[in-house]
N, C-alpha and C. Protein backbone atom coordinates (compact mmCIF):
# COMPACT_ATOMS: atom_id res chain seq x y z
N UNK A 1 0.75 -1.18 0.01
CA UNK A 1 -0.02 -0.04 -0.07
C UNK A 1 0.92 1.26 -0.12
N UNK A 2 2.00 1.34 0.82
CA UNK A 2 2.75 2.52 0.80
C UNK A 2 3.45 2.70 -0.28
N UNK A 3 3.77 1.69 -1.32
CA UNK A 3 4.30 1.90 -2.69
C UNK A 3 3.40 2.21 -3.73
N UNK A 4 2.25 1.89 -3.70
CA UNK A 4 1.37 1.75 -4.97
C UNK A 4 0.31 3.06 -4.90
N UNK A 5 0.40 4.20 -5.29
CA UNK A 5 -0.45 5.23 -5.34
C UNK A 5 -1.95 4.72 -5.81
N UNK A 6 -2.04 3.82 -6.74
CA UNK A 6 -3.25 3.47 -7.22
C UNK A 6 -4.03 2.71 -6.27
N UNK A 7 -3.47 2.15 -5.14
CA UNK A 7 -4.42 1.54 -4.06
C UNK A 7 -5.05 2.68 -3.39
N UNK A 8 -4.77 3.90 -3.42
CA UNK A 8 -5.44 4.84 -2.95
C UNK A 8 -6.73 5.51 -3.60
N UNK A 9 -6.54 5.12 -4.92
CA UNK A 9 -7.63 5.55 -5.82
C UNK A 9 -8.70 4.42 -6.42
N UNK A 10 -8.19 3.35 -6.37
CA UNK A 10 -8.98 2.14 -7.09
C UNK A 10 -10.03 1.59 -6.07
N UNK A 11 -10.66 0.48 -6.59
CA UNK A 11 -11.55 -0.23 -5.61
C UNK A 11 -11.35 -0.45 -4.28
N UNK A 12 -10.07 -0.78 -3.87
CA UNK A 12 -9.89 -1.03 -2.40
C UNK A 12 -10.06 -0.06 -1.64
N UNK A 13 -9.82 1.30 -2.28
CA UNK A 13 -9.93 2.62 -1.50
C UNK A 13 -11.21 3.17 -1.54
N UNK A 14 -12.25 2.55 -1.85
CA UNK A 14 -13.58 3.09 -2.10
C UNK A 14 -14.18 3.57 -0.68
N UNK A 15 -15.31 4.25 -0.66
CA UNK A 15 -15.89 4.66 0.36
C UNK A 15 -16.26 3.37 1.27
N UNK A 16 -16.71 2.24 0.78
CA UNK A 16 -17.15 1.21 1.63
C UNK A 16 -15.97 0.83 2.45
N UNK A 17 -14.81 0.85 2.05
CA UNK A 17 -13.58 0.17 2.63
C UNK A 17 -12.69 1.29 3.23
N UNK A 18 -13.36 2.43 3.58
CA UNK A 18 -12.52 3.64 4.12
C UNK A 18 -11.88 3.30 5.60
N UNK A 19 -12.81 2.93 6.30
CA UNK A 19 -12.33 2.54 7.74
C UNK A 19 -11.19 1.55 7.64
N UNK A 20 -11.22 0.44 6.71
CA UNK A 20 -10.06 -0.66 6.69
C UNK A 20 -8.92 -0.12 6.22
N UNK A 21 -8.95 0.71 5.13
CA UNK A 21 -7.88 1.39 4.57
C UNK A 21 -7.22 2.26 5.42
N UNK A 22 -8.09 3.16 6.22
CA UNK A 22 -7.42 3.96 7.18
C UNK A 22 -6.80 3.25 8.23
N UNK A 23 -7.12 2.24 8.78
CA UNK A 23 -6.48 1.47 9.73
C UNK A 23 -5.32 0.84 9.45
N UNK A 24 -5.24 0.22 8.07
CA UNK A 24 -4.00 -0.44 7.50
C UNK A 24 -2.75 0.80 7.55
N UNK A 25 -3.12 2.10 6.78
CA UNK A 25 -2.28 2.99 6.87
C UNK A 25 -1.55 3.34 8.14
N UNK A 26 -2.73 3.51 8.96
CA UNK A 26 -2.33 3.79 10.46
C UNK A 26 -1.35 2.98 11.15
N UNK A 27 -1.61 1.44 10.93
CA UNK A 27 -0.78 0.61 11.49
C UNK A 27 0.77 0.74 10.74
N UNK A 28 0.89 1.01 9.46
CA UNK A 28 2.00 1.14 8.89
C UNK A 28 2.67 2.33 9.41
N UNK A 29 2.28 3.41 9.38
CA UNK A 29 2.71 4.54 10.11
C UNK A 29 3.20 4.28 11.41
N UNK A 30 2.32 3.85 12.33
CA UNK A 30 2.52 3.56 13.59
C UNK A 30 3.64 2.67 13.82
N UNK A 31 3.88 1.91 13.01
CA UNK A 31 4.90 1.00 13.30
C UNK A 31 6.40 1.40 12.88
N UNK A 32 6.40 2.89 12.41
CA UNK A 32 7.42 3.41 12.05
C UNK A 32 8.14 2.90 10.85
N UNK A 33 7.48 2.14 10.07
CA UNK A 33 7.91 1.30 8.88
C UNK A 33 7.33 2.17 7.57
N UNK A 34 6.47 3.18 7.96
CA UNK A 34 5.94 4.22 6.97
C UNK A 34 6.99 4.79 6.10
N UNK A 35 7.00 4.99 5.00
CA UNK A 35 7.83 6.09 4.21
C UNK A 35 7.26 7.01 3.70
N UNK A 36 7.98 7.94 3.00
CA UNK A 36 7.26 9.30 2.26
C UNK A 36 6.09 8.71 1.58
N UNK A 37 6.22 7.46 0.81
CA UNK A 37 5.29 7.35 -0.16
C UNK A 37 4.01 6.74 0.66
N UNK A 38 4.18 6.15 1.92
CA UNK A 38 2.83 5.76 2.59
C UNK A 38 2.23 6.96 3.08
N UNK A 39 2.84 7.90 3.51
CA UNK A 39 2.16 9.25 3.71
C UNK A 39 1.57 9.85 2.50
N UNK A 40 2.23 9.92 1.43
CA UNK A 40 1.73 10.75 0.25
C UNK A 40 0.50 9.91 -0.01
N UNK A 41 0.58 8.58 -0.18
CA UNK A 41 -0.77 7.78 -0.56
C UNK A 41 -1.86 7.94 0.34
N UNK A 42 -1.42 7.88 1.56
CA UNK A 42 -2.60 8.08 2.68
C UNK A 42 -3.09 9.46 2.58
N UNK A 43 -2.49 10.56 2.35
CA UNK A 43 -3.31 11.72 2.39
C UNK A 43 -3.99 11.98 1.03
N UNK A 44 -3.58 11.31 -0.07
CA UNK A 44 -4.29 11.22 -1.29
C UNK A 44 -5.55 10.54 -1.06
N UNK A 45 -5.46 9.40 -0.29
CA UNK A 45 -6.64 8.57 -0.14
C UNK A 45 -7.59 9.57 0.89
N UNK A 46 -7.27 10.07 2.00
CA UNK A 46 -8.07 10.81 2.85
C UNK A 46 -8.54 11.98 2.26
N UNK A 47 -7.87 12.71 1.25
CA UNK A 47 -8.55 13.98 0.45
C UNK A 47 -9.59 13.61 -0.29
N UNK A 48 -10.01 12.28 -0.56
CA UNK A 48 -11.04 11.75 -1.48
C UNK A 48 -12.29 11.91 -0.70
N UNK A 49 -12.41 12.30 0.75
CA UNK A 49 -13.67 12.07 1.52
C UNK A 49 -13.77 13.16 2.33
N UNK A 50 -14.97 13.39 2.79
CA UNK A 50 -15.15 14.58 3.84
C UNK A 50 -15.89 13.74 4.97
N UNK A 51 -15.76 14.34 6.05
CA UNK A 51 -16.35 13.64 7.41
C UNK A 51 -18.03 14.08 7.24
N UNK A 52 -18.78 13.35 8.15
CA UNK A 52 -20.22 13.20 7.96
C UNK A 52 -20.80 15.03 8.28
N UNK A 53 -20.19 15.55 8.91
CA UNK A 53 -20.34 17.10 9.25
C UNK A 53 -19.97 17.91 8.09
N UNK A 54 -19.34 17.40 6.89
CA UNK A 54 -19.06 18.16 5.71
C UNK A 54 -17.71 18.85 5.96
N UNK A 55 -17.02 18.58 7.17
CA UNK A 55 -15.70 18.98 7.46
C UNK A 55 -14.57 18.07 6.93
N UNK A 56 -13.41 18.49 7.00
CA UNK A 56 -12.03 17.58 6.67
C UNK A 56 -11.29 17.13 7.85
N UNK A 57 -12.04 17.01 9.05
CA UNK A 57 -11.24 17.01 10.46
C UNK A 57 -10.50 15.87 10.29
N UNK A 58 -10.89 14.51 9.74
CA UNK A 58 -10.00 13.28 9.83
C UNK A 58 -8.72 13.78 8.98
N UNK A 59 -8.72 14.35 7.85
CA UNK A 59 -7.64 14.59 6.98
C UNK A 59 -6.97 15.65 7.89
N UNK A 60 -7.36 16.78 8.15
CA UNK A 60 -6.54 17.75 8.78
C UNK A 60 -5.92 17.37 10.15
N UNK A 61 -6.51 16.47 10.94
CA UNK A 61 -5.90 15.88 12.14
C UNK A 61 -4.75 15.11 11.79
N UNK A 62 -4.93 14.38 10.81
CA UNK A 62 -3.80 13.38 10.48
C UNK A 62 -2.56 14.30 9.74
N UNK A 63 -3.05 15.27 9.02
CA UNK A 63 -1.84 15.89 8.40
C UNK A 63 -1.20 16.80 9.35
N UNK A 64 -1.93 17.29 10.24
CA UNK A 64 -1.29 18.08 11.28
C UNK A 64 -0.11 17.30 12.00
N UNK A 65 -0.62 16.16 12.37
CA UNK A 65 0.26 15.42 13.30
C UNK A 65 1.55 14.99 12.30
N UNK A 66 1.33 14.65 10.96
CA UNK A 66 2.43 14.57 10.00
C UNK A 66 3.36 15.84 9.90
N UNK A 67 2.58 17.00 9.91
CA UNK A 67 3.24 18.07 9.72
C UNK A 67 4.34 18.36 10.87
N UNK A 68 3.75 18.25 12.18
CA UNK A 68 4.54 18.39 13.42
C UNK A 68 5.59 17.43 13.49
N UNK A 69 5.32 16.07 13.35
CA UNK A 69 6.47 15.10 13.34
C UNK A 69 7.58 15.08 12.34
N UNK A 70 7.14 15.53 11.22
CA UNK A 70 7.90 15.36 9.92
C UNK A 70 8.55 16.52 9.16
N UNK A 71 7.58 17.63 9.13
CA UNK A 71 7.90 18.79 8.39
C UNK A 71 8.31 19.88 9.24
N UNK A 72 7.90 20.30 10.37
CA UNK A 72 8.05 21.39 11.13
C UNK A 72 9.71 21.13 11.73
N UNK A 73 10.21 22.55 11.96
CA UNK A 73 11.54 22.27 12.58
C UNK A 73 12.29 23.48 12.36
N UNK A 74 13.42 23.99 12.80
CA UNK A 74 14.18 25.15 12.60
C UNK A 74 14.58 25.17 11.11
N UNK A 75 14.98 24.05 10.73
CA UNK A 75 15.42 24.21 9.17
C UNK A 75 14.60 23.40 8.03
N UNK A 76 13.57 23.91 7.68
CA UNK A 76 12.67 22.98 6.75
C UNK A 76 13.58 22.38 5.59
N UNK A 77 14.34 23.31 5.04
CA UNK A 77 15.01 22.59 3.77
C UNK A 77 15.95 21.49 4.24
N UNK A 78 16.56 21.62 5.01
CA UNK A 78 17.42 20.50 5.61
C UNK A 78 16.68 19.23 6.05
N UNK A 79 15.41 19.36 6.64
CA UNK A 79 14.52 18.33 6.76
C UNK A 79 13.97 17.48 5.40
N UNK A 80 13.53 18.46 4.71
CA UNK A 80 13.28 17.87 3.39
C UNK A 80 14.35 17.23 2.71
N UNK A 81 15.64 17.81 2.69
CA UNK A 81 16.79 17.22 2.07
C UNK A 81 16.88 15.76 2.72
N UNK A 82 16.76 15.76 4.08
CA UNK A 82 16.95 14.33 4.66
C UNK A 82 15.86 13.37 4.22
N UNK A 83 14.64 13.76 4.11
CA UNK A 83 13.69 12.75 3.66
C UNK A 83 14.08 12.46 2.06
N UNK A 84 14.32 13.59 1.44
CA UNK A 84 14.48 13.23 -0.03
C UNK A 84 15.65 12.24 -0.33
N UNK A 85 16.68 12.32 0.66
CA UNK A 85 17.87 11.40 0.37
C UNK A 85 17.66 10.08 0.82
N UNK A 86 16.54 9.89 1.55
CA UNK A 86 16.04 8.57 2.00
C UNK A 86 14.92 7.95 1.05
N UNK A 87 14.57 8.58 0.07
CA UNK A 87 13.60 7.99 -0.73
C UNK A 87 13.94 6.65 -1.58
N UNK A 88 12.83 6.00 -1.50
CA UNK A 88 13.07 4.62 -2.22
C UNK A 88 13.38 5.04 -3.60
N UNK A 89 14.64 4.29 -4.11
CA UNK A 89 14.95 4.58 -5.50
C UNK A 89 13.78 4.40 -6.72
N UNK A 90 12.88 3.81 -6.37
CA UNK A 90 11.89 3.46 -7.24
C UNK A 90 10.70 4.76 -7.17
N UNK A 91 10.73 5.54 -6.32
CA UNK A 91 9.85 6.63 -6.13
C UNK A 91 9.84 7.46 -7.26
N UNK A 92 8.74 8.00 -7.79
CA UNK A 92 8.77 9.02 -8.90
C UNK A 92 9.48 10.28 -8.54
N UNK A 93 9.77 10.66 -7.37
CA UNK A 93 10.45 11.73 -7.10
C UNK A 93 12.01 11.50 -7.05
N UNK A 94 12.30 10.27 -6.93
CA UNK A 94 13.72 9.95 -7.24
C UNK A 94 14.08 10.13 -8.83
N UNK A 95 13.09 10.08 -9.79
CA UNK A 95 13.58 10.64 -10.98
C UNK A 95 13.15 12.04 -11.47
N UNK A 96 12.10 12.51 -10.67
CA UNK A 96 11.39 13.84 -10.73
C UNK A 96 12.66 14.77 -10.22
N UNK A 97 13.12 14.38 -9.37
CA UNK A 97 14.17 15.40 -8.58
C UNK A 97 13.71 16.23 -7.54
N UNK A 98 14.62 16.88 -6.92
CA UNK A 98 14.74 17.70 -5.68
C UNK A 98 13.51 18.70 -5.81
N UNK A 99 13.51 19.43 -6.97
CA UNK A 99 12.40 20.56 -7.12
C UNK A 99 10.92 20.14 -7.18
N UNK A 100 10.95 18.99 -7.87
CA UNK A 100 9.40 18.34 -7.85
C UNK A 100 9.19 17.82 -6.30
N UNK A 101 10.14 17.44 -5.61
CA UNK A 101 9.65 16.74 -4.34
C UNK A 101 9.44 18.09 -3.54
N UNK A 102 10.20 19.15 -3.59
CA UNK A 102 10.12 20.32 -2.83
C UNK A 102 8.73 20.99 -2.94
N UNK A 103 8.24 20.96 -4.21
CA UNK A 103 7.17 21.56 -4.62
C UNK A 103 5.86 20.67 -4.22
N UNK A 104 6.05 19.36 -4.28
CA UNK A 104 5.08 18.50 -3.58
C UNK A 104 4.77 18.97 -2.22
N UNK A 105 5.68 19.09 -1.31
CA UNK A 105 5.60 19.48 0.01
C UNK A 105 5.07 20.80 0.06
N UNK A 106 5.47 21.80 -0.58
CA UNK A 106 4.85 23.26 -0.17
C UNK A 106 3.38 23.10 -0.79
N UNK A 107 3.24 22.33 -1.88
CA UNK A 107 1.77 22.31 -2.27
C UNK A 107 0.82 21.44 -1.32
N UNK A 108 1.41 20.42 -0.72
CA UNK A 108 0.28 19.65 0.22
C UNK A 108 0.07 20.39 1.34
N UNK A 109 1.01 21.35 1.74
CA UNK A 109 0.77 22.28 2.97
C UNK A 109 -0.11 23.38 2.62
N UNK A 110 0.01 23.85 1.39
CA UNK A 110 -0.79 24.94 0.96
C UNK A 110 -2.45 24.45 0.82
N UNK A 111 -2.36 23.19 0.19
CA UNK A 111 -3.60 22.56 -0.09
C UNK A 111 -4.32 22.23 1.06
N UNK A 112 -3.70 21.75 2.27
CA UNK A 112 -4.36 21.42 3.36
C UNK A 112 -4.88 22.85 4.23
N UNK A 113 -4.16 23.93 4.13
CA UNK A 113 -4.36 25.10 4.68
C UNK A 113 -5.63 25.74 3.87
N UNK A 114 -5.66 25.57 2.49
CA UNK A 114 -6.60 26.04 1.64
C UNK A 114 -7.92 25.50 2.11
N UNK A 115 -7.94 23.98 2.47
CA UNK A 115 -9.25 23.56 2.92
C UNK A 115 -9.89 24.37 4.24
N UNK A 116 -9.12 24.88 5.15
CA UNK A 116 -9.47 25.45 6.20
C UNK A 116 -10.12 26.92 5.53
N UNK A 117 -9.43 27.63 4.68
CA UNK A 117 -10.11 28.82 4.12
C UNK A 117 -11.46 28.51 3.50
N UNK A 118 -11.50 27.56 2.73
CA UNK A 118 -12.74 27.04 2.10
C UNK A 118 -13.84 26.86 2.98
N UNK A 119 -13.83 26.10 3.85
CA UNK A 119 -14.79 25.67 4.61
C UNK A 119 -14.94 26.05 6.28
N UNK A 120 -16.09 26.63 6.52
CA UNK A 120 -16.01 27.18 7.92
C UNK A 120 -16.23 25.95 9.00
N UNK A 121 -16.53 24.62 8.36
CA UNK A 121 -16.45 23.55 9.23
C UNK A 121 -14.95 23.26 9.68
N UNK A 122 -14.12 23.85 9.11
CA UNK A 122 -12.69 23.63 9.32
C UNK A 122 -11.94 24.55 10.28
N UNK A 123 -12.75 25.44 10.60
CA UNK A 123 -12.37 26.81 11.14
C UNK A 123 -11.51 26.72 12.53
N UNK A 124 -11.86 25.45 13.24
CA UNK A 124 -10.84 25.01 14.43
C UNK A 124 -9.49 24.79 14.12
N UNK A 125 -9.06 24.67 12.81
CA UNK A 125 -7.67 24.19 12.40
C UNK A 125 -7.03 25.69 11.96
N UNK A 126 -7.60 26.69 12.27
CA UNK A 126 -6.98 28.12 11.61
C UNK A 126 -5.60 28.34 11.98
N UNK A 127 -5.06 28.25 13.40
CA UNK A 127 -3.93 28.39 13.68
C UNK A 127 -2.94 27.16 13.26
N UNK A 128 -3.32 26.12 13.20
CA UNK A 128 -2.56 25.12 12.37
C UNK A 128 -2.32 25.51 10.97
N UNK A 129 -3.40 25.75 10.34
CA UNK A 129 -3.40 26.20 8.85
C UNK A 129 -2.51 27.17 8.62
N UNK A 130 -2.26 28.35 9.47
CA UNK A 130 -1.23 29.47 9.31
C UNK A 130 0.03 28.85 9.27
N UNK A 131 0.19 27.83 10.25
CA UNK A 131 1.71 27.35 10.49
C UNK A 131 1.88 26.68 9.05
N UNK A 132 0.93 25.78 8.54
CA UNK A 132 1.25 25.37 7.32
C UNK A 132 1.35 26.15 6.14
N UNK A 133 0.82 26.96 5.98
CA UNK A 133 0.73 28.09 4.76
C UNK A 133 2.10 28.55 5.03
N UNK A 134 2.41 29.32 6.27
CA UNK A 134 3.98 29.76 6.48
C UNK A 134 4.97 28.92 5.96
N UNK A 135 5.02 27.56 6.11
CA UNK A 135 5.80 26.71 5.85
C UNK A 135 5.93 26.62 4.32
N UNK A 136 4.79 26.59 3.52
CA UNK A 136 4.64 26.46 2.08
C UNK A 136 5.47 27.62 1.67
N UNK A 137 5.51 28.80 2.14
CA UNK A 137 6.24 29.97 1.70
C UNK A 137 7.57 30.00 2.01
N UNK A 138 7.97 29.42 3.05
CA UNK A 138 9.50 29.24 3.24
C UNK A 138 10.02 28.11 2.29
N UNK A 139 9.32 27.35 1.81
CA UNK A 139 9.67 26.14 0.79
C UNK A 139 9.72 26.97 -0.78
N UNK A 140 8.45 27.64 -1.03
CA UNK A 140 8.37 28.03 -2.20
C UNK A 140 8.08 29.83 -2.26
N UNK A 141 8.94 30.52 -2.01
CA UNK A 141 8.87 31.87 -1.80
C UNK A 141 8.21 32.52 -2.91
N UNK A 142 7.34 33.56 -2.46
CA UNK A 142 6.60 34.47 -3.15
C UNK A 142 5.54 33.95 -4.19
N UNK A 143 5.10 32.68 -3.75
CA UNK A 143 4.14 32.09 -4.62
C UNK A 143 2.72 32.86 -4.37
N UNK A 144 2.01 33.40 -5.34
CA UNK A 144 0.85 34.26 -5.24
C UNK A 144 -0.22 33.42 -4.65
N UNK A 145 -0.38 32.19 -5.18
CA UNK A 145 -1.33 31.13 -4.80
C UNK A 145 -1.18 30.92 -3.10
N UNK A 146 -0.01 30.86 -2.63
CA UNK A 146 0.37 30.52 -1.28
C UNK A 146 0.01 31.84 -0.40
N UNK A 147 0.43 32.91 -0.98
CA UNK A 147 0.25 34.28 -0.34
C UNK A 147 -1.18 34.50 -0.08
N UNK A 148 -1.84 34.09 -1.17
CA UNK A 148 -3.23 34.24 -1.00
C UNK A 148 -3.90 33.43 0.03
N UNK A 149 -3.65 32.23 0.17
CA UNK A 149 -4.05 31.38 1.09
C UNK A 149 -3.74 32.01 2.63
N UNK A 150 -2.61 32.31 2.74
CA UNK A 150 -2.14 32.82 4.09
C UNK A 150 -2.67 33.97 4.45
N UNK A 151 -2.91 34.97 3.60
CA UNK A 151 -3.65 36.41 3.87
C UNK A 151 -5.15 36.00 4.30
N UNK A 152 -5.84 35.11 3.60
CA UNK A 152 -7.16 34.74 4.04
C UNK A 152 -7.26 34.00 5.27
N UNK A 153 -6.19 33.39 5.63
CA UNK A 153 -6.12 32.56 6.92
C UNK A 153 -5.98 33.90 8.06
N UNK A 154 -4.97 34.56 7.74
CA UNK A 154 -4.64 35.70 8.78
C UNK A 154 -5.94 36.71 9.06
N UNK A 155 -6.60 36.95 7.86
CA UNK A 155 -7.96 37.58 8.07
C UNK A 155 -9.08 36.86 8.85
N UNK A 156 -9.08 35.59 8.58
CA UNK A 156 -10.05 34.74 9.44
C UNK A 156 -9.64 34.75 10.94
N UNK A 157 -8.25 34.95 11.31
CA UNK A 157 -7.84 34.72 12.39
C UNK A 157 -7.71 36.17 13.23
N UNK A 158 -8.33 37.11 12.55
CA UNK A 158 -8.45 38.46 13.15
C UNK A 158 -7.22 39.41 12.99
N UNK A 159 -6.14 38.76 12.17
CA UNK A 159 -4.92 39.79 12.03
C UNK A 159 -5.12 40.31 10.52
N UNK A 160 -5.99 41.37 10.66
CA UNK A 160 -6.48 42.10 9.44
C UNK A 160 -5.33 42.90 8.87
N UNK A 161 -4.53 43.62 9.57
CA UNK A 161 -3.44 44.48 8.84
C UNK A 161 -2.34 43.41 7.86
N UNK A 162 -2.03 42.34 8.90
CA UNK A 162 -1.11 41.25 8.35
C UNK A 162 -1.84 40.70 7.01
N UNK A 163 -2.98 40.48 7.09
CA UNK A 163 -3.92 39.87 5.93
C UNK A 163 -3.72 40.90 4.80
N UNK A 164 -3.90 42.10 5.08
CA UNK A 164 -3.84 43.14 3.91
C UNK A 164 -2.48 42.99 3.27
N UNK A 165 -1.49 43.27 4.12
CA UNK A 165 -0.08 43.17 3.60
C UNK A 165 0.44 42.00 2.84
N UNK A 166 -0.11 40.66 3.24
CA UNK A 166 0.22 39.47 2.64
C UNK A 166 -0.50 39.37 1.28
N UNK A 167 -1.92 39.80 1.28
CA UNK A 167 -2.54 39.81 0.12
C UNK A 167 -2.06 40.78 -0.97
N UNK A 168 -1.70 41.88 -0.26
CA UNK A 168 -0.86 42.95 -1.53
C UNK A 168 0.36 42.28 -1.96
N UNK A 169 1.11 41.55 -1.21
CA UNK A 169 2.37 40.91 -2.02
C UNK A 169 1.66 39.86 -2.93
N UNK A 170 0.53 39.18 -2.50
CA UNK A 170 -0.05 38.03 -3.71
C UNK A 170 -0.31 38.65 -4.75
N UNK A 171 -0.78 39.82 -4.87
CA UNK A 171 -1.16 40.71 -6.21
C UNK A 171 0.05 41.13 -6.74
N UNK A 172 1.26 41.58 -5.96
CA UNK A 172 2.48 42.09 -6.51
C UNK A 172 3.04 40.86 -7.29
N UNK A 173 2.97 39.60 -6.73
CA UNK A 173 3.73 38.54 -7.27
C UNK A 173 2.86 37.83 -8.43
N UNK A 174 1.65 38.45 -8.67
CA UNK A 174 1.08 37.81 -9.78
C UNK A 174 1.58 37.91 -11.11
N UNK A 175 1.79 36.84 -12.03
CA UNK A 175 2.38 37.03 -13.42
C UNK A 175 1.33 36.57 -14.37
N UNK A 176 1.80 36.43 -15.43
CA UNK A 176 0.86 35.99 -16.81
C UNK A 176 0.81 34.58 -16.76
N UNK A 177 1.44 33.87 -16.04
CA UNK A 177 1.28 32.41 -15.78
C UNK A 177 0.15 32.03 -14.90
N UNK A 178 -0.41 32.99 -14.17
CA UNK A 178 -1.53 32.83 -13.29
C UNK A 178 -2.83 33.07 -14.09
N UNK A 179 -3.79 32.01 -14.12
CA UNK A 179 -4.97 32.15 -14.74
C UNK A 179 -5.64 33.38 -14.51
N UNK A 180 -6.09 34.02 -15.45
CA UNK A 180 -6.74 35.46 -15.32
C UNK A 180 -7.94 35.48 -14.26
N UNK A 181 -8.83 34.52 -14.18
CA UNK A 181 -9.82 34.53 -13.22
C UNK A 181 -9.43 34.40 -11.88
N UNK A 182 -8.34 33.62 -11.61
CA UNK A 182 -7.71 33.35 -10.36
C UNK A 182 -6.86 34.75 -9.91
N UNK A 183 -6.30 35.43 -10.88
CA UNK A 183 -5.63 36.67 -10.45
C UNK A 183 -6.69 37.91 -10.25
N UNK A 184 -7.82 37.84 -10.92
CA UNK A 184 -9.02 38.59 -10.72
C UNK A 184 -9.72 38.30 -9.29
N UNK A 185 -9.92 37.06 -8.92
CA UNK A 185 -10.18 36.56 -7.60
C UNK A 185 -9.34 37.45 -6.49
N UNK A 186 -8.03 37.18 -6.62
CA UNK A 186 -7.09 37.48 -5.70
C UNK A 186 -7.16 38.95 -5.54
N UNK A 187 -7.00 39.75 -6.58
CA UNK A 187 -7.31 41.23 -6.54
C UNK A 187 -8.55 41.63 -5.97
N UNK A 188 -9.61 40.91 -6.14
CA UNK A 188 -10.95 41.25 -5.39
C UNK A 188 -10.87 40.90 -3.97
N UNK A 189 -10.35 39.90 -3.60
CA UNK A 189 -10.03 39.51 -2.13
C UNK A 189 -9.44 40.68 -1.30
N UNK A 190 -8.28 41.18 -2.10
CA UNK A 190 -7.55 42.32 -1.55
C UNK A 190 -8.40 43.56 -1.48
N UNK A 191 -9.15 43.66 -2.31
CA UNK A 191 -10.07 45.06 -2.34
C UNK A 191 -11.21 44.81 -1.22
N UNK A 192 -11.69 43.61 -1.16
CA UNK A 192 -12.61 43.24 -0.03
C UNK A 192 -11.86 43.52 1.42
N UNK A 193 -10.70 43.03 1.46
CA UNK A 193 -9.95 43.10 2.80
C UNK A 193 -9.69 44.54 3.18
N UNK A 194 -9.37 45.50 2.15
CA UNK A 194 -9.06 46.76 2.41
C UNK A 194 -10.31 47.58 2.69
N UNK A 195 -11.46 47.34 2.09
CA UNK A 195 -12.69 48.05 2.27
C UNK A 195 -13.59 47.44 3.55
N UNK A 196 -13.14 46.31 4.09
CA UNK A 196 -13.73 45.51 5.36
C UNK A 196 -14.91 44.82 4.77
N UNK A 197 -15.12 44.43 3.59
CA UNK A 197 -16.29 43.64 3.10
C UNK A 197 -15.98 42.26 2.92
N UNK A 198 -14.65 41.77 3.30
CA UNK A 198 -14.18 40.36 3.08
C UNK A 198 -15.10 39.39 3.91
């Protein structure tokens, strides 16, 4: 299971087997035999489902534990480098390289944080999501998508000045590679934050 991403996507990973699959991943991880691939597959699997209340509590709790135990620390790049150097040679990231691996980790942190922005049911994770979002920007500096996520989290946390400053940076770092609708959405969020209608 930890080496095959398709297990998390195919029949064995369907809704009816969700508890069983979760249990197997938890056992692999708890045994400390879980590698990067097992976590990657586990989060891919968990990301397919919401909890009964419409929240992503199961995903976010598991991700927060992973983040605190694996990614957080004084020097994130060194920690990622250690993980990267221990990858299975058959891992796709062994072929795709350090930059793809780094991007995966910044993306997964931003995506988890974005779940908190999108759904009010996830609001009890705001403080954690700020950590994840700030981390994504340590790994991938000046990314307008990540800056937008962080700004919206700051605003939801009541840090309005910080939110406006961060969203201003998101607008500043927009390039023509950003889809026009997304760029317009980011600019609109900044405008709403500035005039108090966000």
